Amino acid sequence: MRRTVACLAVLLCSLPALTACGGSDSPKEADTGPKVIEVTIEGESVTPNGERVEVAVGQQVELDVTSDAPGTIHVHSTPEQELDYEAGTSTLTIEGIDKPGTVDVESHELEKVIVQLEVR
């Protein structure tokens, strides 16, 4: 009986520590500041090339675009967004996406998905 009580006491004392460390790789709505994604477009290649990036519901996303030619990035969100960039360096802002899911960000000129936003 003593052993059971001692085990319960240890478990109860360690419970707050265990729950406090229960972190998650998923972003939360409380995250502040924009998620910054560096995009490089050279000729027919783009980096990142279809990678998935987690963002929080409502979180802004900034695309730091370095490109050798001007173009347009299409964001398949609701509502859809089209963002023009110039040759050289541009910073584009994707307004917060308010519904969880996967949102493709692509270049129609290159016919490539640049990044997939995993909105959680």
Protein backbone atom coordinates (compact mmCIF):
# COMPACT_ATOMS: atom_id res chain seq x y z
CA MET A 1 0.00 0.00 0.00
CA ARG A 2 2.80 2.41 0.88
CA ARG A 3 4.47 1.72 -2.44
CA THR A 4 1.23 2.55 -4.33
CA VAL A 5 0.79 5.81 -2.44
CA ALA A 6 4.42 6.75 -3.09
CA CYS A 7 4.05 6.02 -6.82
CA LEU A 8 0.89 8.11 -6.99
CA ALA A 9 2.59 10.99 -5.19
CA VAL A 10 5.52 10.91 -7.65
CA LEU A 11 3.17 10.81 -10.62
CA LEU A 12 1.05 13.68 -9.34
CA CYS A 13 4.12 15.80 -8.62
CA SER A 14 5.59 15.20 -12.09
CA LEU A 15 2.34 15.80 -13.98
CA PRO A 16 2.72 19.61 -14.22
CA ALA A 17 6.26 19.22 -15.56
CA LEU A 18 5.12 16.72 -18.18
CA THR A 19 2.25 18.87 -19.41
CA ALA A 20 4.40 21.99 -19.52
CA CYS A 21 6.83 20.24 -21.84
CA GLY A 22 4.10 18.99 -24.15
CA GLY A 23 5.24 21.23 -27.00
CA SER A 24 4.15 20.78 -30.58
CA ASP A 25 5.74 21.47 -33.93
CA SER A 26 2.44 22.96 -35.11
CA PRO A 27 2.18 26.74 -35.11
CA LYS A 28 -0.51 28.28 -32.94
CA GLU A 29 -2.82 31.21 -33.58
CA ALA A 30 -0.94 33.11 -30.85
CA ASP A 31 2.25 33.13 -32.96
CA THR A 32 3.24 36.69 -33.67
CA GLY A 33 5.05 38.16 -36.60
CA PRO A 34 5.06 37.01 -40.19
CA LYS A 35 6.54 33.75 -41.42
CA VAL A 36 9.37 34.70 -43.81
CA ILE A 37 10.10 32.46 -46.79
CA GLU A 38 13.05 33.18 -49.08
CA VAL A 39 12.27 32.53 -52.75
CA THR A 40 14.85 32.50 -55.54
CA ILE A 41 13.81 32.38 -59.19
CA GLU A 42 16.52 31.93 -61.82
CA GLY A 43 15.48 31.08 -65.36
CA GLU A 44 13.26 28.01 -65.15
CA SER A 45 14.21 27.03 -61.57
CA VAL A 46 12.68 28.11 -58.29
CA THR A 47 13.74 27.54 -54.69
CA PRO A 48 11.97 26.34 -52.62
CA ASN A 49 10.40 23.92 -55.06
CA GLY A 50 7.08 22.70 -53.65
CA GLU A 51 8.25 22.38 -50.04
CA ARG A 52 5.65 22.42 -47.26
CA VAL A 53 5.86 25.16 -44.65
CA GLU A 54 3.67 25.31 -41.53
CA VAL A 55 1.97 28.59 -40.66
CA ALA A 56 -0.66 29.51 -38.10
CA VAL A 57 -4.22 30.42 -38.98
CA GLY A 58 -4.25 34.18 -39.61
CA GLN A 59 -0.46 34.50 -39.67
CA GLN A 60 1.00 36.74 -42.38
CA VAL A 61 3.56 35.24 -44.73
CA GLU A 62 6.32 37.34 -46.29
CA LEU A 63 7.98 36.12 -49.47
CA ASP A 64 11.44 37.60 -49.94
CA VAL A 65 11.74 37.09 -53.69
CA THR A 66 15.00 37.35 -55.61
CA SER A 67 14.38 36.95 -59.33
CA ASP A 68 16.14 37.51 -62.63
CA ALA A 69 12.86 38.60 -64.29
CA PRO A 70 9.54 40.13 -63.18
CA GLY A 71 6.52 37.89 -62.67
CA THR A 72 3.44 37.04 -60.64
CA ILE A 73 2.94 34.66 -57.74
CA HIS A 74 -0.53 33.16 -57.37
CA VAL A 75 -1.79 32.17 -53.91
CA HIS A 76 -4.64 29.63 -53.98
CA SER A 77 -6.29 30.92 -50.81
CA THR A 78 -9.84 32.14 -50.25
CA PRO A 79 -9.91 34.78 -51.56
CA GLU A 80 -7.15 34.08 -54.08
CA GLN A 81 -4.22 36.48 -54.15
CA GLU A 82 -1.93 37.55 -57.00
CA LEU A 83 1.35 39.19 -56.07
CA ASP A 84 3.59 40.88 -58.64
CA TYR A 85 7.35 40.99 -58.21
CA GLU A 86 10.09 42.81 -60.06
CA ALA A 87 13.46 41.66 -61.34
CA GLY A 88 15.88 41.91 -58.43
CA THR A 89 14.58 41.74 -54.87
CA SER A 90 10.97 42.15 -53.75
CA THR A 91 9.13 41.52 -50.50
CA LEU A 92 5.57 40.26 -50.99
CA THR A 93 3.01 39.85 -48.23
CA ILE A 94 0.43 37.09 -48.21
CA GLU A 95 -2.36 38.26 -45.95
CA GLY A 96 -3.29 35.90 -43.15
CA ILE A 97 -5.17 32.81 -44.24
CA ASP A 98 -8.10 32.22 -41.90
CA LYS A 99 -8.95 28.58 -42.68
CA PRO A 100 -6.83 25.52 -41.89
CA GLY A 101 -5.65 23.45 -44.83
CA THR A 102 -3.01 23.39 -47.55
CA VAL A 103 -2.58 26.46 -49.75
CA ASP A 104 -0.50 26.28 -52.94
CA VAL A 105 1.71 29.25 -53.80
CA GLU A 106 2.81 29.03 -57.41
CA SER A 107 4.26 30.75 -60.42
CA HIS A 108 2.07 30.46 -63.48
CA GLU A 109 4.93 31.68 -65.70
CA LEU A 110 7.10 28.75 -64.56
CA GLU A 111 4.15 26.37 -64.08
CA LYS A 112 5.64 25.35 -60.72
CA VAL A 113 4.48 25.23 -57.12
CA ILE A 114 6.88 27.36 -55.11
CA VAL A 115 5.66 26.37 -51.65
CA GLN A 116 2.67 24.72 -49.99
CA LEU A 117 1.48 26.48 -46.86
CA GLU A 118 0.18 24.07 -44.22
CA VAL A 119 -2.20 26.31 -42.32
CA ARG A 120 -2.96 25.01 -38.80
